[in-house]
């Protein structure tokens, strides 16, 4: 053996080792790259929604996400002092009256004759199940009530205790929607404009507050409120509205993103307010 015949010196040996080291690093990098691509291709560590994306509707609790669908439980709120559901006012209840299940809630009913005037408003509430991929909840019932354009609640306020207008119940259809024809509510001192709502399992159980499943309130965009309150009949609302804000409202001050309706329309044509009402059913 004459190994010295192949000895090209220390410098040559170091260069050879360095070249082998570089090739080894390249091979390891290439193999690692294949492994990474393989993991990404198999969805390692991710969910099974593919390329679909979803986002929360702004709530901090009860959010359900499935594919591109996202919904959250609407906050539970007070029914306030004027519910007309049998819980106060000597037990008087609009829910117990024949005719409470109706779409147009502007006129009084069951023997009362008053009619609430104001800018026309259609309210569309879509009830969804946050515990079941935001599926529409059909066959449920929603009871709504609100003040008239001068801030009075029928059955309670002076001058309209004998009336029961701006109260009504509607069943949700196969699409989960309950629709009401009403007027844009006024703004009374201390509260932002709003509509109250209670959810019941069906119209047959929507006869007493004891059966309600959910209580909340719907809010309105400020710009639409300002536009409506500049019209005739809403004069009393102007000063009240200018003195209040969502930040100072005792119901909406903790956040209103899940309760503020989307508004379309105009004073002349009337407005449409739409809101998704999420609940875990």
Protein backbone atom coordinates (compact mmCIF):
# COMPACT_ATOMS: atom_id res chain seq x y z
CA UNK A 1 0.00 0.00 0.00
CA UNK A 2 1.37 3.38 -0.90
CA UNK A 3 -1.18 5.78 0.68
CA UNK A 4 1.32 8.59 0.49
CA UNK A 5 0.94 8.46 -3.31
CA UNK A 6 -2.62 9.84 -2.86
CA UNK A 7 -1.73 12.45 -0.26
CA UNK A 8 -2.30 15.92 -1.74
CA UNK A 9 -1.62 17.79 1.46
CA UNK A 10 -3.61 19.24 4.35
CA UNK A 11 -5.08 22.09 2.33
CA UNK A 12 -6.59 19.71 -0.18
CA UNK A 13 -8.08 17.52 2.58
CA UNK A 14 -9.76 20.51 4.26
CA UNK A 15 -11.27 21.66 0.98
CA UNK A 16 -12.61 18.17 0.34
CA UNK A 17 -14.19 17.95 3.82
CA UNK A 18 -15.75 21.39 3.41
CA UNK A 19 -17.29 20.41 0.07
CA UNK A 20 -18.71 17.22 1.56
CA UNK A 21 -20.17 19.22 4.46
CA UNK A 22 -21.91 21.63 2.06
CA UNK A 23 -23.39 18.76 0.05
CA UNK A 24 -24.59 17.12 3.26
CA UNK A 25 -26.32 20.31 4.40
CA UNK A 26 -28.00 20.69 1.01
CA UNK A 27 -29.30 17.13 1.18
CA UNK A 28 -30.66 17.64 4.70
CA UNK A 29 -32.31 20.93 3.69
CA UNK A 30 -33.91 19.25 0.66
CA UNK A 31 -35.26 16.35 2.74
CA UNK A 32 -36.57 18.76 5.36
CA UNK A 33 -38.34 20.71 2.62
CA UNK A 34 -40.12 17.59 1.41
CA UNK A 35 -41.22 16.86 4.96
CA UNK A 36 -42.61 20.35 5.44
CA UNK A 37 -44.52 20.28 2.18
CA UNK A 38 -45.90 16.90 3.13
CA UNK A 39 -47.16 18.22 6.47
CA UNK A 40 -48.77 21.25 4.86
CA UNK A 41 -50.40 19.10 2.21
CA UNK A 42 -51.94 16.89 4.89
CA UNK A 43 -53.25 19.82 6.90
CA UNK A 44 -51.01 19.01 9.85
CA UNK A 45 -52.01 20.99 12.93
CA UNK A 46 -54.88 22.78 11.13
CA UNK A 47 -58.65 22.38 10.89
CA UNK A 48 -60.70 20.66 8.23
CA UNK A 49 -62.27 23.74 6.67
CA UNK A 50 -59.98 23.75 3.65
CA UNK A 51 -59.43 27.16 2.13
CA UNK A 52 -62.58 28.63 3.62
CA UNK A 53 -62.14 31.43 6.13
CA UNK A 54 -64.44 32.71 8.82
CA UNK A 55 -64.58 35.49 11.37
CA UNK A 56 -66.48 36.31 14.52
CA UNK A 57 -69.34 38.79 14.32
CA UNK A 58 -67.81 40.77 17.15
CA UNK A 59 -69.03 38.99 20.25
CA UNK A 60 -66.84 37.89 23.13
CA UNK A 61 -68.82 34.84 24.18
CA UNK A 62 -70.77 31.98 22.66
CA UNK A 63 -69.15 32.23 19.23
CA UNK A 64 -69.58 29.30 16.85
CA UNK A 65 -67.60 28.97 13.63
CA UNK A 66 -68.16 26.43 10.86
CA UNK A 67 -66.66 26.84 7.41
CA UNK A 68 -67.52 30.36 6.32
CA UNK A 69 -70.37 30.71 8.82
CA UNK A 70 -69.96 32.57 12.08
CA UNK A 71 -72.52 33.63 14.65
CA UNK A 72 -72.56 34.58 18.31
CA UNK A 73 -75.10 34.49 21.12
CA UNK A 74 -76.81 37.86 21.39
CA UNK A 75 -76.28 39.40 24.83
CA UNK A 76 -78.96 38.86 27.44
CA UNK A 77 -80.50 42.20 28.39
CA UNK A 78 -83.14 43.55 30.73
CA UNK A 79 -86.73 43.55 29.54
CA UNK A 80 -87.02 47.00 31.06
CA UNK A 81 -90.00 48.37 32.94
CA UNK A 82 -92.54 48.16 30.09
CA UNK A 83 -92.56 44.56 28.77
CA UNK A 84 -96.30 43.88 28.79
CA UNK A 85 -95.54 40.19 29.19
CA UNK A 86 -97.28 39.68 32.53
CA UNK A 87 -94.16 40.18 34.66
CA UNK A 88 -95.29 43.55 36.09
CA UNK A 89 -97.95 46.24 35.74
CA UNK A 90 -100.39 44.22 37.81
CA UNK A 91 -99.80 41.17 35.64
CA UNK A 92 -101.24 42.82 32.53
CA UNK A 93 -100.02 40.96 29.48
CA UNK A 94 -100.32 41.70 25.79
CA UNK A 95 -99.22 38.11 25.23
CA UNK A 96 -102.49 36.87 26.72
CA UNK A 97 -104.62 38.84 24.25
CA UNK A 98 -106.19 37.32 21.16
CA UNK A 99 -104.53 38.81 18.11
CA UNK A 100 -101.03 39.30 19.56
CA UNK A 101 -99.59 37.06 16.81
CA UNK A 102 -99.44 39.59 13.97
CA UNK A 103 -96.99 41.12 11.51
CA UNK A 104 -98.22 44.74 11.54
CA UNK A 105 -97.84 46.02 15.09
CA UNK A 106 -98.70 49.67 14.43
CA UNK A 107 -102.39 49.47 15.42
CA UNK A 108 -103.72 48.48 18.81
CA UNK A 109 -105.85 45.33 18.90
CA UNK A 110 -108.26 43.30 21.04
CA UNK A 111 -110.74 46.18 21.36
CA UNK A 112 -108.24 49.08 21.53
CA UNK A 113 -108.28 51.46 18.60
CA UNK A 114 -105.11 53.59 18.68
CA UNK A 115 -102.56 53.57 15.87
CA UNK A 116 -98.89 54.55 16.19
CA UNK A 117 -97.71 57.03 13.57
CA UNK A 118 -94.13 57.53 12.43
CA UNK A 119 -91.53 56.74 9.79
CA UNK A 120 -92.30 53.24 8.46
CA UNK A 121 -89.93 50.50 9.60
CA UNK A 122 -89.76 46.81 8.68
CA UNK A 123 -87.88 44.68 11.20
CA UNK A 124 -86.42 41.37 10.03
CA UNK A 125 -84.98 39.16 12.76
CA UNK A 126 -83.13 35.99 11.76
CA UNK A 127 -82.97 33.48 14.61
CA UNK A 128 -80.01 31.08 14.45
CA UNK A 129 -78.62 28.29 16.61
CA UNK A 130 -75.04 29.02 17.66
CA UNK A 131 -74.73 25.44 18.94
CA UNK A 132 -75.47 23.93 15.52
CA UNK A 133 -73.38 25.69 12.88
CA UNK A 134 -75.64 28.75 12.93
CA UNK A 135 -78.59 26.77 11.58
CA UNK A 136 -81.84 28.68 11.12
CA UNK A 137 -84.32 28.16 13.96
CA UNK A 138 -87.76 27.75 12.41
CA UNK A 139 -91.04 27.54 14.30
CA UNK A 140 -89.84 29.66 17.22
CA UNK A 141 -91.64 32.86 18.22
CA UNK A 142 -90.28 36.36 18.78
CA UNK A 143 -92.15 38.98 20.78
CA UNK A 144 -91.13 42.59 20.13
CA UNK A 145 -92.20 45.87 21.71
CA UNK A 146 -90.96 49.45 21.68
CA UNK A 147 -91.97 53.04 22.37
CA UNK A 148 -93.86 55.28 19.95
CA UNK A 149 -92.33 58.30 18.22
CA UNK A 150 -92.76 60.52 21.29
CA UNK A 151 -91.23 57.96 23.64
CA UNK A 152 -94.36 56.41 25.19
CA UNK A 153 -94.96 52.70 25.82
CA UNK A 154 -98.50 51.45 25.31
CA UNK A 155 -100.13 49.88 28.41
CA UNK A 156 -97.82 51.93 30.69
CA UNK A 157 -97.27 55.57 29.72
CA UNK A 158 -99.67 58.37 30.52
CA UNK A 159 -102.16 58.88 27.70
CA UNK A 160 -101.69 55.40 26.17
CA UNK A 161 -102.41 53.02 29.04
CA UNK A 162 -105.54 51.83 27.19
CA UNK A 163 -103.54 51.11 24.02
CA UNK A 164 -101.42 48.09 23.14
CA UNK A 165 -99.84 49.15 19.88
CA UNK A 166 -96.19 48.46 18.97
CA UNK A 167 -96.37 44.99 20.49
CA UNK A 168 -96.59 41.73 18.57
CA UNK A 169 -95.47 38.15 18.13
CA UNK A 170 -94.33 36.45 14.94
CA UNK A 171 -93.23 32.86 14.29
CA UNK A 172 -89.93 32.31 12.52
CA UNK A 173 -90.24 30.78 9.07
CA UNK A 174 -88.21 27.95 7.54
CA UNK A 175 -85.42 30.49 7.03
CA UNK A 176 -85.49 31.49 10.70
CA UNK A 177 -86.86 34.95 9.90
CA UNK A 178 -89.61 36.80 11.75
CA UNK A 179 -90.78 40.03 10.11
CA UNK A 180 -92.62 42.96 11.71
CA UNK A 181 -94.12 46.10 10.21
CA UNK A 182 -93.82 49.02 12.62
CA UNK A 183 -92.56 52.61 12.96
CA UNK A 184 -89.13 53.93 13.84
CA UNK A 185 -89.11 54.33 17.65
CA UNK A 186 -88.49 57.67 19.28
CA UNK A 187 -85.70 58.44 21.72
CA UNK A 188 -86.67 59.11 25.33
CA UNK A 189 -84.45 60.54 28.04
CA UNK A 190 -81.64 58.29 29.25
CA UNK A 191 -81.70 55.59 26.54
CA UNK A 192 -80.44 55.12 23.02
CA UNK A 193 -83.24 54.20 20.57
CA UNK A 194 -84.00 50.48 20.76
CA UNK A 195 -86.48 47.66 20.29
CA UNK A 196 -87.03 44.96 22.94
CA UNK A 197 -87.35 41.30 22.04
CA UNK A 198 -88.11 38.02 23.76
CA UNK A 199 -87.67 34.59 22.16
CA UNK A 200 -90.07 31.70 22.82
CA UNK A 201 -90.05 28.09 21.64
CA UNK A 202 -93.30 28.56 19.72
CA UNK A 203 -96.32 30.81 19.42
CA UNK A 204 -98.22 28.48 21.75
CA UNK A 205 -95.69 29.08 24.54
CA UNK A 206 -95.42 32.83 23.85
CA UNK A 207 -98.19 33.56 26.32
CA UNK A 208 -96.21 34.44 29.45
CA UNK A 209 -92.78 35.75 30.36
CA UNK A 210 -92.26 32.54 32.37
CA UNK A 211 -91.73 30.65 29.11
CA UNK A 212 -89.22 32.97 27.45
CA UNK A 213 -85.86 31.57 26.33
CA UNK A 214 -84.01 34.80 25.60
CA UNK A 215 -84.38 38.53 26.22
CA UNK A 216 -82.39 41.18 24.38
CA UNK A 217 -82.56 44.53 22.61
CA UNK A 218 -81.96 45.82 19.08
CA UNK A 219 -80.04 49.07 18.51
CA UNK A 220 -79.92 51.46 15.54
CA UNK A 221 -77.07 53.19 13.68
CA UNK A 222 -76.66 56.76 14.91
CA UNK A 223 -76.73 58.38 11.46
CA UNK A 224 -80.15 56.92 10.64
CA UNK A 225 -81.50 58.04 14.01
CA UNK A 226 -80.36 61.61 13.32
CA UNK A 227 -82.03 61.55 9.91
CA UNK A 228 -85.34 60.23 11.24
CA UNK A 229 -85.43 62.58 14.22
CA UNK A 230 -85.13 65.57 11.89
CA UNK A 231 -88.61 64.77 10.55
CA UNK A 232 -92.01 65.95 11.78
CA UNK A 233 -93.38 64.15 14.83
CA UNK A 234 -90.00 63.26 16.32
CA UNK A 235 -89.18 66.69 17.75
CA UNK A 236 -89.02 65.40 21.32
CA UNK A 237 -86.36 62.87 20.33
CA UNK A 238 -83.79 65.39 19.11
CA UNK A 239 -82.61 66.72 22.49
CA UNK A 240 -82.80 63.27 24.11
CA UNK A 241 -80.73 61.70 21.35
CA UNK A 242 -78.11 64.45 21.45
CA UNK A 243 -77.69 63.88 25.19
CA UNK A 244 -77.00 60.13 25.01
CA UNK A 245 -74.52 57.77 23.33
CA UNK A 246 -73.79 54.06 23.26
CA UNK A 247 -70.93 54.69 25.70
CA UNK A 248 -73.26 56.25 28.27
CA UNK A 249 -76.30 54.04 27.66
CA UNK A 250 -76.87 51.73 30.65
CA UNK A 251 -77.63 48.73 28.40
CA UNK A 252 -75.38 49.15 25.36
CA UNK A 253 -72.30 50.62 27.04
CA UNK A 254 -70.61 47.20 27.27
CA UNK A 255 -70.74 46.71 23.49
CA UNK A 256 -73.39 46.81 20.81
CA UNK A 257 -71.85 45.00 17.83
CA UNK A 258 -74.17 41.99 18.13
CA UNK A 259 -77.26 44.14 18.62
CA UNK A 260 -76.92 46.97 16.12
CA UNK A 261 -79.20 46.32 13.16
CA UNK A 262 -78.26 46.89 9.53
CA UNK A 263 -80.49 49.64 8.10
CA UNK A 264 -81.46 50.33 4.52
CA UNK A 265 -84.05 52.63 2.97
CA UNK A 266 -85.07 56.24 3.49
CA UNK A 267 -87.54 58.42 5.34
CA UNK A 268 -89.77 58.65 2.28
CA UNK A 269 -89.71 54.95 1.40
CA UNK A 270 -89.38 53.62 4.92
CA UNK A 271 -86.51 51.68 6.45
CA UNK A 272 -85.67 47.98 6.77
CA UNK A 273 -83.77 46.88 9.88
CA UNK A 274 -82.12 43.45 9.80
CA UNK A 275 -80.46 41.63 12.66
CA UNK A 276 -79.24 38.08 13.27
CA UNK A 277 -80.26 36.88 16.71
CA UNK A 278 -78.02 34.07 17.89
CA UNK A 279 -78.94 31.72 20.71
CA UNK A 280 -77.81 28.29 21.84
CA UNK A 281 -80.79 26.00 21.28
